[in-house]
């Protein structure tokens, strides 16, 4: 590493860093590749931090929160009914007017 002549402040810093960490030319090449790919990843992460909130991929950010806070109960689970009780409550539909508008117009009920 004696034949390398740094130029400027950044050159001096780079050569001194390489001399501390690298023992041969092969190590210098590996260190340079490491720095290069580190900066590529750094820039890519910050680019995505600005792109994701403004794109259709925002669901990727909130997927972890949705998974953590979702209900463990089955969606649409029915509560048990006590049919022995005589409270005057009617179960089911006996007249057409007792349907809600959604039930009446639903294609599943036709």
N, C-alpha and C. Protein backbone atom coordinates (compact mmCIF):
# COMPACT_ATOMS: atom_id res chain seq x y z
N UNK A 1 0.82 -1.19 0.00
CA UNK A 1 0.00 0.00 0.00
C UNK A 1 0.86 1.25 0.00
N UNK A 2 2.15 1.10 -0.07
CA UNK A 2 3.03 2.25 -0.06
C UNK A 2 3.00 3.01 -1.38
N UNK A 3 2.69 2.34 -2.49
CA UNK A 3 2.73 3.00 -3.79
C UNK A 3 1.43 3.76 -4.10
N UNK A 4 0.43 3.72 -3.25
CA UNK A 4 -0.83 4.44 -3.48
C UNK A 4 -0.68 5.85 -2.94
N UNK A 5 -0.99 6.84 -3.80
CA UNK A 5 -0.90 8.24 -3.40
C UNK A 5 -2.31 8.83 -3.35
N UNK A 6 -2.84 9.08 -2.17
CA UNK A 6 -4.18 9.64 -2.07
C UNK A 6 -4.20 11.09 -2.49
N UNK A 7 -5.36 11.51 -3.00
CA UNK A 7 -5.50 12.92 -3.37
C UNK A 7 -6.74 13.47 -2.69
N UNK A 8 -6.58 14.54 -1.96
CA UNK A 8 -7.71 15.17 -1.32
C UNK A 8 -8.04 14.58 0.04
N UNK A 9 -9.02 15.18 0.67
CA UNK A 9 -9.42 14.77 2.02
C UNK A 9 -10.08 13.39 2.00
N UNK A 10 -10.99 13.17 1.05
CA UNK A 10 -11.66 11.88 0.97
C UNK A 10 -10.70 10.76 0.61
N UNK A 11 -9.74 11.06 -0.26
CA UNK A 11 -8.74 10.05 -0.62
C UNK A 11 -7.89 9.66 0.57
N UNK A 12 -7.47 10.65 1.37
CA UNK A 12 -6.69 10.36 2.58
C UNK A 12 -7.50 9.52 3.55
N UNK A 13 -8.76 9.87 3.74
CA UNK A 13 -9.62 9.11 4.66
C UNK A 13 -9.79 7.68 4.17
N UNK A 14 -10.04 7.52 2.87
CA UNK A 14 -10.28 6.20 2.32
C UNK A 14 -9.05 5.31 2.46
N UNK A 15 -7.88 5.84 2.13
CA UNK A 15 -6.65 5.05 2.21
C UNK A 15 -6.33 4.70 3.65
N UNK A 16 -6.52 5.64 4.57
CA UNK A 16 -6.22 5.34 5.98
C UNK A 16 -7.19 4.28 6.52
N UNK A 17 -8.46 4.33 6.10
CA UNK A 17 -9.43 3.32 6.52
C UNK A 17 -9.06 1.96 5.96
N UNK A 18 -8.68 1.92 4.70
CA UNK A 18 -8.29 0.66 4.08
C UNK A 18 -7.04 0.08 4.73
N UNK A 19 -6.08 0.94 5.07
CA UNK A 19 -4.85 0.45 5.69
C UNK A 19 -5.13 -0.17 7.05
N UNK A 20 -6.10 0.38 7.76
CA UNK A 20 -6.44 -0.17 9.07
C UNK A 20 -7.14 -1.52 8.95
N UNK A 21 -7.98 -1.66 7.95
CA UNK A 21 -8.82 -2.85 7.84
C UNK A 21 -8.32 -3.90 6.86
N UNK A 22 -7.50 -3.51 5.92
CA UNK A 22 -7.12 -4.41 4.84
C UNK A 22 -5.64 -4.77 4.92
N UNK A 23 -5.37 -6.02 4.63
CA UNK A 23 -3.99 -6.50 4.67
C UNK A 23 -3.39 -6.66 3.28
N UNK A 24 -4.23 -6.84 2.26
CA UNK A 24 -3.71 -7.05 0.91
C UNK A 24 -4.63 -6.34 -0.10
N UNK A 25 -4.23 -6.39 -1.36
CA UNK A 25 -5.02 -5.77 -2.42
C UNK A 25 -6.39 -6.46 -2.55
N UNK A 26 -6.41 -7.77 -2.31
CA UNK A 26 -7.67 -8.52 -2.38
C UNK A 26 -8.65 -8.01 -1.31
N UNK A 27 -8.14 -7.73 -0.11
CA UNK A 27 -8.99 -7.18 0.95
C UNK A 27 -9.49 -5.79 0.60
N UNK A 28 -8.66 -5.00 -0.08
CA UNK A 28 -9.08 -3.66 -0.49
C UNK A 28 -10.24 -3.75 -1.48
N UNK A 29 -10.16 -4.68 -2.40
CA UNK A 29 -11.24 -4.85 -3.38
C UNK A 29 -12.53 -5.29 -2.69
N UNK A 30 -12.40 -6.20 -1.75
CA UNK A 30 -13.59 -6.64 -1.00
C UNK A 30 -14.18 -5.50 -0.20
N UNK A 31 -13.34 -4.71 0.43
CA UNK A 31 -13.82 -3.58 1.23
C UNK A 31 -14.51 -2.55 0.34
N UNK A 32 -13.97 -2.30 -0.83
CA UNK A 32 -14.58 -1.36 -1.76
C UNK A 32 -15.93 -1.88 -2.23
N UNK A 33 -16.02 -3.16 -2.53
CA UNK A 33 -17.30 -3.75 -2.93
C UNK A 33 -18.30 -3.68 -1.79
N UNK A 34 -17.85 -3.92 -0.57
CA UNK A 34 -18.72 -3.84 0.59
C UNK A 34 -19.29 -2.44 0.75
N UNK A 35 -18.43 -1.42 0.64
CA UNK A 35 -18.90 -0.04 0.74
C UNK A 35 -19.87 0.30 -0.38
N UNK A 36 -19.55 -0.13 -1.58
CA UNK A 36 -20.42 0.16 -2.72
C UNK A 36 -21.81 -0.43 -2.51
N UNK A 37 -21.90 -1.69 -2.16
CA UNK A 37 -23.21 -2.33 -1.98
C UNK A 37 -23.93 -1.82 -0.75
N UNK A 38 -23.19 -1.41 0.27
CA UNK A 38 -23.82 -0.81 1.44
C UNK A 38 -24.54 0.47 1.04
N UNK A 39 -23.88 1.31 0.25
CA UNK A 39 -24.51 2.57 -0.18
C UNK A 39 -25.69 2.31 -1.12
N UNK A 40 -25.60 1.29 -1.96
CA UNK A 40 -26.72 0.94 -2.83
C UNK A 40 -27.93 0.56 -1.98
N UNK A 41 -27.74 -0.27 -0.96
CA UNK A 41 -28.85 -0.66 -0.09
C UNK A 41 -29.38 0.54 0.69
N UNK A 42 -28.50 1.39 1.16
CA UNK A 42 -28.91 2.58 1.91
C UNK A 42 -29.80 3.48 1.06
N UNK A 43 -29.39 3.74 -0.15
CA UNK A 43 -30.18 4.59 -1.05
C UNK A 43 -31.50 3.91 -1.42
N UNK A 44 -31.47 2.61 -1.67
CA UNK A 44 -32.69 1.89 -2.03
C UNK A 44 -33.72 1.94 -0.90
N UNK A 45 -33.28 1.77 0.33
CA UNK A 45 -34.20 1.82 1.47
C UNK A 45 -34.84 3.20 1.57
N UNK A 46 -34.06 4.26 1.44
CA UNK A 46 -34.63 5.60 1.54
C UNK A 46 -35.53 5.94 0.36
N UNK A 47 -35.23 5.42 -0.81
CA UNK A 47 -36.12 5.63 -1.96
C UNK A 47 -37.47 4.98 -1.69
N UNK A 48 -37.45 3.75 -1.18
CA UNK A 48 -38.71 3.07 -0.89
C UNK A 48 -39.47 3.72 0.26
N UNK A 49 -38.75 4.32 1.22
CA UNK A 49 -39.44 5.03 2.29
C UNK A 49 -40.26 6.20 1.76
N UNK A 50 -39.84 6.79 0.65
CA UNK A 50 -40.60 7.89 0.06
C UNK A 50 -41.63 7.41 -0.95
N UNK A 51 -41.39 6.28 -1.58
CA UNK A 51 -42.31 5.79 -2.61
C UNK A 51 -43.50 5.05 -2.03
N UNK A 52 -43.29 4.19 -1.04
CA UNK A 52 -44.36 3.32 -0.52
C UNK A 52 -45.56 4.10 0.01
N UNK A 53 -45.42 5.16 0.80
CA UNK A 53 -46.62 5.86 1.28
C UNK A 53 -47.44 6.50 0.17
N UNK A 54 -46.86 6.74 -0.98
CA UNK A 54 -47.57 7.39 -2.08
C UNK A 54 -48.00 6.41 -3.17
N UNK A 55 -47.88 5.12 -2.91
CA UNK A 55 -48.22 4.14 -3.93
C UNK A 55 -49.27 3.17 -3.40
N UNK A 56 -49.61 2.22 -4.24
CA UNK A 56 -50.61 1.22 -3.85
C UNK A 56 -50.03 0.17 -2.91
N UNK A 57 -48.76 0.25 -2.59
CA UNK A 57 -48.11 -0.75 -1.76
C UNK A 57 -48.07 -0.37 -0.28
N UNK A 58 -48.89 0.58 0.11
CA UNK A 58 -48.93 0.99 1.51
C UNK A 58 -49.42 -0.15 2.40
N UNK A 59 -50.16 -1.10 1.84
CA UNK A 59 -50.65 -2.23 2.63
C UNK A 59 -49.49 -3.06 3.18
N UNK A 60 -48.33 -2.98 2.56
CA UNK A 60 -47.16 -3.70 3.07
C UNK A 60 -46.73 -3.15 4.43
N UNK A 61 -46.91 -1.86 4.63
CA UNK A 61 -46.54 -1.23 5.89
C UNK A 61 -47.51 -1.64 6.99
N UNK A 62 -48.81 -1.68 6.68
CA UNK A 62 -49.82 -1.94 7.69
C UNK A 62 -50.15 -3.41 7.87
N UNK A 63 -49.57 -4.30 7.11
CA UNK A 63 -49.88 -5.72 7.22
C UNK A 63 -49.49 -6.28 8.58
N UNK A 64 -48.36 -5.87 9.12
CA UNK A 64 -47.93 -6.37 10.43
C UNK A 64 -48.89 -5.91 11.52
N UNK A 65 -49.34 -4.65 11.46
CA UNK A 65 -50.29 -4.15 12.46
C UNK A 65 -51.63 -4.88 12.35
N UNK A 66 -52.09 -5.12 11.14
CA UNK A 66 -53.34 -5.82 10.93
C UNK A 66 -53.26 -7.25 11.45
N UNK A 67 -52.16 -7.91 11.25
CA UNK A 67 -51.97 -9.26 11.74
C UNK A 67 -51.94 -9.30 13.27
N UNK A 68 -51.29 -8.30 13.86
CA UNK A 68 -51.17 -8.27 15.31
C UNK A 68 -52.52 -8.01 15.99
N UNK A 69 -53.32 -7.08 15.45
CA UNK A 69 -54.55 -6.67 16.11
C UNK A 69 -55.81 -7.32 15.58
N UNK A 70 -55.71 -8.32 14.72
CA UNK A 70 -56.94 -8.92 14.20
C UNK A 70 -57.58 -9.80 15.28
N UNK A 71 -58.87 -9.97 15.16
CA UNK A 71 -59.63 -10.74 16.13
C UNK A 71 -59.38 -12.24 15.92
N UNK A 72 -59.28 -12.96 17.02
CA UNK A 72 -59.07 -14.40 16.94
C UNK A 72 -60.40 -15.16 16.84
N UNK A 73 -61.50 -14.44 17.02
CA UNK A 73 -62.82 -15.05 16.88
C UNK A 73 -63.13 -15.22 15.39
N UNK A 74 -63.89 -16.26 15.07
CA UNK A 74 -64.30 -16.45 13.69
C UNK A 74 -65.26 -15.37 13.27
N UNK A 75 -65.07 -14.86 12.09
CA UNK A 75 -65.93 -13.80 11.59
C UNK A 75 -67.30 -14.40 11.25
N UNK A 76 -68.35 -13.84 11.80
CA UNK A 76 -69.69 -14.32 11.55
C UNK A 76 -70.10 -15.47 12.45
N UNK A 77 -69.37 -15.72 13.53
CA UNK A 77 -69.72 -16.80 14.45
C UNK A 77 -71.02 -16.46 15.17
N UNK A 78 -71.88 -17.43 15.31
CA UNK A 78 -73.17 -17.22 15.95
C UNK A 78 -73.07 -17.52 17.44
N UNK A 79 -73.84 -16.76 18.21
CA UNK A 79 -73.91 -17.00 19.64
C UNK A 79 -74.88 -18.15 19.89
N UNK A 80 -74.66 -18.92 20.93
CA UNK A 80 -75.59 -20.02 21.22
C UNK A 80 -76.96 -19.47 21.65
N UNK A 81 -78.03 -20.14 21.20
CA UNK A 81 -79.39 -19.71 21.53
C UNK A 81 -79.97 -20.63 22.59
N UNK A 82 -80.72 -20.04 23.51
CA UNK A 82 -81.41 -20.82 24.53
C UNK A 82 -82.88 -20.95 24.09
N UNK A 83 -83.25 -22.07 23.51
CA UNK A 83 -84.59 -22.27 22.98
C UNK A 83 -85.59 -22.69 24.06
N UNK A 84 -85.09 -23.06 25.23
CA UNK A 84 -85.98 -23.47 26.32
C UNK A 84 -86.66 -22.27 26.97
N UNK A 85 -86.09 -21.14 26.82
CA UNK A 85 -86.61 -19.92 27.44
C UNK A 85 -87.84 -19.43 26.69
N UNK A 86 -88.90 -19.11 27.39
CA UNK A 86 -90.15 -18.63 26.77
C UNK A 86 -90.24 -17.11 26.95
N UNK A 87 -89.46 -16.39 26.24
CA UNK A 87 -89.46 -14.93 26.40
C UNK A 87 -90.29 -14.25 25.33
N UNK A 88 -90.94 -14.98 24.49
CA UNK A 88 -91.74 -14.39 23.44
C UNK A 88 -90.92 -13.94 22.24
N UNK A 89 -89.68 -14.29 22.24
CA UNK A 89 -88.82 -13.90 21.14
C UNK A 89 -89.04 -14.85 19.96
N UNK A 90 -89.13 -14.28 18.77
CA UNK A 90 -89.37 -15.07 17.57
C UNK A 90 -88.02 -15.36 16.91
N UNK A 91 -87.80 -16.62 16.56
CA UNK A 91 -86.56 -17.00 15.88
C UNK A 91 -86.87 -17.26 14.42
N UNK A 92 -86.11 -16.66 13.55
CA UNK A 92 -86.32 -16.85 12.12
C UNK A 92 -87.29 -15.81 11.56
N UNK A 93 -87.71 -16.05 10.33
CA UNK A 93 -88.58 -15.12 9.62
C UNK A 93 -89.86 -15.87 9.25
N UNK A 94 -91.00 -15.27 9.62
CA UNK A 94 -92.26 -15.91 9.26
C UNK A 94 -93.02 -15.11 8.21
N UNK A 95 -92.63 -13.85 8.00
CA UNK A 95 -93.29 -13.01 7.01
C UNK A 95 -92.22 -12.39 6.11
N UNK A 96 -92.63 -12.05 4.92
CA UNK A 96 -91.72 -11.45 3.95
C UNK A 96 -91.23 -10.09 4.43
N UNK A 97 -92.03 -9.38 5.19
CA UNK A 97 -91.67 -8.04 5.67
C UNK A 97 -90.60 -8.08 6.76
N UNK A 98 -90.34 -9.23 7.33
CA UNK A 98 -89.34 -9.34 8.40
C UNK A 98 -87.91 -9.42 7.87
N UNK A 99 -87.75 -9.61 6.57
CA UNK A 99 -86.41 -9.58 5.98
C UNK A 99 -85.89 -8.15 5.96
N UNK A 100 -84.59 -7.99 6.10
CA UNK A 100 -84.00 -6.68 5.88
C UNK A 100 -83.89 -6.48 4.36
N UNK A 101 -83.65 -5.28 3.95
CA UNK A 101 -83.58 -5.02 2.50
C UNK A 101 -82.40 -5.75 1.88
N UNK A 102 -81.31 -5.93 2.66
CA UNK A 102 -80.16 -6.67 2.12
C UNK A 102 -80.48 -8.15 1.96
N UNK A 103 -81.16 -8.72 2.94
CA UNK A 103 -81.52 -10.13 2.85
C UNK A 103 -82.52 -10.36 1.72
N UNK A 104 -83.40 -9.44 1.54
CA UNK A 104 -84.44 -9.58 0.53
C UNK A 104 -83.87 -9.52 -0.87
N UNK A 105 -82.89 -8.66 -1.09
CA UNK A 105 -82.35 -8.47 -2.42
C UNK A 105 -81.07 -9.28 -2.68
N UNK A 106 -80.64 -10.02 -1.69
CA UNK A 106 -79.41 -10.80 -1.85
C UNK A 106 -79.61 -11.95 -2.83
N UNK A 107 -78.64 -12.19 -3.68
CA UNK A 107 -78.73 -13.26 -4.66
C UNK A 107 -78.57 -14.63 -4.01
N UNK A 108 -77.96 -14.66 -2.81
CA UNK A 108 -77.77 -15.95 -2.14
C UNK A 108 -79.09 -16.51 -1.63
N UNK A 109 -80.03 -15.64 -1.33
CA UNK A 109 -81.32 -16.10 -0.79
C UNK A 109 -82.32 -16.44 -1.89
N UNK A 110 -81.99 -16.24 -3.13
CA UNK A 110 -82.95 -16.51 -4.20
C UNK A 110 -82.93 -17.94 -4.62
